[in-house]
Amino acid sequence: LVGEFAAAYNYGVFLGKDQHLDITTNAQHLYRNTKGDILVKGAVFDKATSVHRGEITVENEARQANSNFTGHTLVFEGGKANAIPSLVIKTNDVKVKHAAWVSQVDDEQLFYIMSRGLSKDEAVKEIILGHYNSIIDKIDNKNIKEEVMKTVMERLL
């Protein structure tokens, strides 16, 4: 973030089936009063693995920076995920936080959703779509939102 009052909002989703995903999301605050928000949500299953690294760096001159990093990955049967958040703070008078977690979706959760009349594949799809909604809802442009939804749906089939 270059320049006082600069702001950056980075949102992303990922879905892994039979591949390794290596995701890196970084924010570097160089000036005072900058603001950053990184939110990434993922899902992995089958033989997929993921590593999500996220780093927020606040340089000496970046007092009063305000930054947040959040990463959340859902793991379905067969998948493996790692989250590696990092903060590099070189000054004081900042508000910087990070959160990263990996959650397993177990058979009981799937059974509960399937008891509502959905197949296992439909239940998995609904869980993932619900997981991604907080990011997709942030997209103001209707065409981009539709394209993201289309891509997500194609990957889920």
Protein backbone atom coordinates (compact mmCIF):
# COMPACT_ATOMS: atom_id res chain seq x y z
CA LEU A 1 0.00 0.00 0.00
CA VAL A 2 1.78 3.06 -1.31
CA GLY A 3 0.57 6.50 -0.27
CA GLU A 4 -1.22 7.76 2.81
CA PHE A 5 -4.80 6.47 3.05
CA ALA A 6 -4.19 3.81 0.39
CA ALA A 7 -6.52 0.80 0.71
CA ALA A 8 -6.55 -2.69 -0.77
CA TYR A 9 -9.25 -5.35 -0.47
CA ASN A 10 -8.29 -8.81 -1.70
CA TYR A 11 -10.82 -11.63 -1.72
CA GLY A 12 -10.38 -15.10 -3.17
CA VAL A 13 -11.74 -18.61 -3.33
CA PHE A 14 -10.07 -21.87 -4.31
CA LEU A 15 -11.21 -25.45 -4.86
CA GLY A 16 -8.91 -28.44 -5.13
CA LYS A 17 -9.78 -31.93 -6.27
CA ASP A 18 -6.77 -33.94 -7.47
CA GLN A 19 -4.02 -31.34 -7.35
CA HIS A 20 -1.74 -29.36 -5.06
CA LEU A 21 -2.62 -25.70 -4.56
CA ASP A 22 -0.06 -23.23 -3.24
CA ILE A 23 -1.69 -19.86 -2.50
CA THR A 24 0.15 -16.78 -1.27
CA THR A 25 -1.59 -13.55 -0.28
CA ASN A 26 0.48 -10.65 1.01
CA ALA A 27 -0.08 -7.04 2.00
CA GLN A 28 2.75 -4.57 2.51
CA HIS A 29 1.97 -1.27 4.21
CA LEU A 30 4.52 1.41 3.31
CA TYR A 31 2.75 4.62 4.42
CA ARG A 32 0.68 5.94 7.31
CA ASN A 33 -3.06 5.39 7.59
CA THR A 34 -3.25 2.54 5.09
CA LYS A 35 -5.91 -0.13 5.20
CA GLY A 36 -5.85 -3.71 3.95
CA ASP A 37 -8.20 -6.68 4.07
CA ILE A 38 -7.43 -10.17 2.78
CA LEU A 39 -10.12 -12.86 2.93
CA VAL A 40 -9.56 -16.22 1.23
CA LYS A 41 -11.75 -19.30 1.53
CA GLY A 42 -11.03 -22.69 0.06
CA ALA A 43 -12.16 -26.28 -0.12
CA VAL A 44 -10.13 -29.41 -0.83
CA PHE A 45 -11.16 -33.02 -1.27
CA ASP A 46 -10.23 -36.28 -2.97
CA LYS A 47 -6.43 -36.25 -3.21
CA ALA A 48 -6.01 -32.47 -3.16
CA THR A 49 -3.61 -30.65 -0.88
CA SER A 50 -3.31 -26.95 -0.24
CA VAL A 51 -0.92 -24.55 1.43
CA HIS A 52 -2.18 -21.02 2.03
CA ARG A 53 0.45 -18.54 3.13
CA GLY A 54 -0.54 -15.03 4.09
CA GLU A 55 1.68 -12.24 5.30
CA ILE A 56 1.01 -8.69 6.40
CA THR A 57 4.07 -6.46 6.59
CA VAL A 58 3.92 -3.02 8.18
CA GLU A 59 7.01 -0.92 7.50
CA ASN A 60 8.52 1.67 9.88
CA GLU A 61 6.73 4.62 8.29
CA ALA A 62 3.30 2.93 8.27
CA ARG A 63 1.93 4.05 11.64
CA GLN A 64 -1.84 3.77 12.05
CA ALA A 65 -2.04 1.00 9.46
CA ASN A 66 -5.12 -1.17 9.78
CA SER A 67 -4.90 -4.62 8.22
CA ASN A 68 -6.56 -8.02 8.47
CA PHE A 69 -5.77 -11.44 7.01
CA THR A 70 -8.29 -14.28 7.21
CA GLY A 71 -7.94 -17.71 5.60
CA HIS A 72 -10.38 -20.61 6.03
CA THR A 73 -10.21 -23.94 4.24
CA LEU A 74 -12.80 -26.71 4.38
CA VAL A 75 -11.39 -30.22 4.14
CA PHE A 76 -13.50 -33.05 2.81
CA GLU A 77 -12.60 -36.75 2.86
CA GLY A 78 -9.19 -37.30 1.28
CA GLY A 79 -8.09 -33.65 1.26
CA LYS A 80 -5.28 -32.05 3.24
CA ALA A 81 -4.77 -28.35 3.95
CA ASN A 82 -2.25 -26.12 5.68
CA ALA A 83 -2.61 -22.46 6.66
CA ILE A 84 0.45 -20.34 7.45
CA PRO A 85 -0.34 -16.76 8.53
CA SER A 86 2.45 -14.32 9.32
CA LEU A 87 2.78 -10.77 10.63
CA VAL A 88 5.88 -8.61 10.22
CA ILE A 89 5.34 -5.43 12.23
CA LYS A 90 8.19 -2.90 12.19
CA THR A 91 6.45 -0.05 14.02
CA ASN A 92 3.87 0.57 16.72
CA ASP A 93 0.45 2.30 16.70
CA VAL A 94 -1.08 -0.20 14.24
CA LYS A 95 -4.13 -2.48 14.16
CA VAL A 96 -3.13 -5.72 12.50
CA LYS A 97 -4.61 -9.17 12.98
CA HIS A 98 -4.69 -12.54 11.34
CA ALA A 99 -6.78 -15.67 11.56
CA ALA A 100 -6.33 -18.90 9.67
CA TRP A 101 -8.01 -22.22 10.20
CA VAL A 102 -8.72 -25.52 8.56
CA SER A 103 -12.03 -27.28 9.26
CA GLN A 104 -12.93 -30.85 8.46
CA VAL A 105 -16.40 -31.59 7.14
CA ASP A 106 -17.32 -34.88 8.72
CA ASP A 107 -19.90 -37.55 7.95
CA GLU A 108 -22.29 -36.27 10.64
CA GLN A 109 -22.47 -32.83 9.02
CA LEU A 110 -23.08 -34.37 5.61
CA PHE A 111 -25.69 -36.75 7.04
CA TYR A 112 -27.56 -33.83 8.64
CA ILE A 113 -27.77 -31.94 5.33
CA MET A 114 -28.61 -35.10 3.40
CA SER A 115 -31.48 -35.77 5.85
CA ARG A 116 -33.10 -32.72 4.26
CA GLY A 117 -33.44 -34.64 0.99
CA LEU A 118 -30.15 -33.85 -0.74
CA SER A 119 -27.73 -36.35 -2.25
CA LYS A 120 -24.16 -36.42 -0.92
CA ASP A 121 -22.89 -34.49 -3.95
CA GLU A 122 -25.63 -31.87 -3.54
CA ALA A 123 -24.87 -31.56 0.18
CA VAL A 124 -21.16 -31.02 -0.50
CA LYS A 125 -21.99 -28.41 -3.14
CA GLU A 126 -24.28 -26.54 -0.73
CA ILE A 127 -21.66 -26.56 2.02
CA ILE A 128 -19.03 -25.12 -0.33
CA LEU A 129 -21.38 -22.49 -1.78
CA GLY A 130 -22.35 -21.42 1.72
CA HIS A 131 -18.68 -21.23 2.63
CA TYR A 132 -17.92 -18.99 -0.38
CA ASN A 133 -21.00 -16.73 0.00
CA SER A 134 -19.34 -14.15 2.25
CA ILE A 135 -16.81 -13.48 -0.52
CA ILE A 136 -19.14 -13.70 -3.51
CA ASP A 137 -21.54 -11.28 -1.77
CA LYS A 138 -18.75 -8.65 -1.74
CA ILE A 139 -18.69 -8.51 -5.55
CA ASP A 140 -20.66 -5.43 -6.62
CA ASN A 141 -20.34 -5.89 -10.37
CA LYS A 142 -23.19 -8.15 -11.53
CA ASN A 143 -21.26 -9.53 -14.56
CA ILE A 144 -18.20 -10.42 -12.51
CA LYS A 145 -20.36 -11.98 -9.78
CA GLU A 146 -22.13 -14.14 -12.38
CA GLU A 147 -18.80 -15.19 -13.93
CA VAL A 148 -17.39 -16.18 -10.53
CA MET A 149 -20.55 -18.17 -9.70
CA LYS A 150 -20.42 -19.87 -13.12
CA THR A 151 -16.77 -20.85 -12.61
CA VAL A 152 -17.43 -22.15 -9.09
CA MET A 153 -20.42 -24.20 -10.28
CA GLU A 154 -18.41 -25.69 -13.16
CA ARG A 155 -15.64 -26.73 -10.76
CA LEU A 156 -18.16 -28.31 -8.39
CA LEU A 157 -19.73 -30.55 -11.02
